[in-house]
Amino acid sequence: MNNSNPPEGTSTEEPPRGLKGRLLVSDVV
């Protein structure tokens, strides 16, 4: 279900980093 995985932090295990973190969280939800 990963339509677009960011180059930095392909895993959601990493801590949220600003917008990238928010995007990851949004993807998870």
Protein backbone atom coordinates (compact mmCIF):
# COMPACT_ATOMS: atom_id res chain seq x y z
CA MET A 1 0.00 0.00 0.00
CA ASN A 2 3.03 2.26 -0.43
CA ASN A 3 2.11 4.38 -3.43
CA SER A 4 5.04 6.75 -2.94
CA ASN A 5 7.81 5.90 -0.50
CA PRO A 6 10.20 8.78 0.33
CA PRO A 7 13.95 8.32 -0.37
CA GLU A 8 14.79 9.20 3.24
CA GLY A 9 13.00 6.96 5.72
CA THR A 10 11.46 4.21 3.62
CA SER A 11 10.46 2.53 6.89
CA THR A 12 7.86 3.96 9.26
CA GLU A 13 10.09 2.82 12.15
CA GLU A 14 12.14 5.99 11.84
CA PRO A 15 10.94 8.96 13.89
CA PRO A 16 8.81 11.63 12.19
CA ARG A 17 10.89 14.43 10.65
CA GLY A 18 8.74 17.45 9.85
CA LEU A 19 6.62 17.10 6.71
CA LYS A 20 8.19 13.76 5.80
CA GLY A 21 7.16 12.36 9.17
CA ARG A 22 3.64 13.71 8.71
CA LEU A 23 3.43 12.12 5.26
CA LEU A 24 4.53 8.77 6.67
CA VAL A 25 1.97 9.01 9.46
CA SER A 26 -0.73 9.94 6.94
CA ASP A 27 0.22 6.93 4.82
CA VAL A 28 0.04 4.63 7.83
CA VAL A 29 -3.39 5.90 8.84
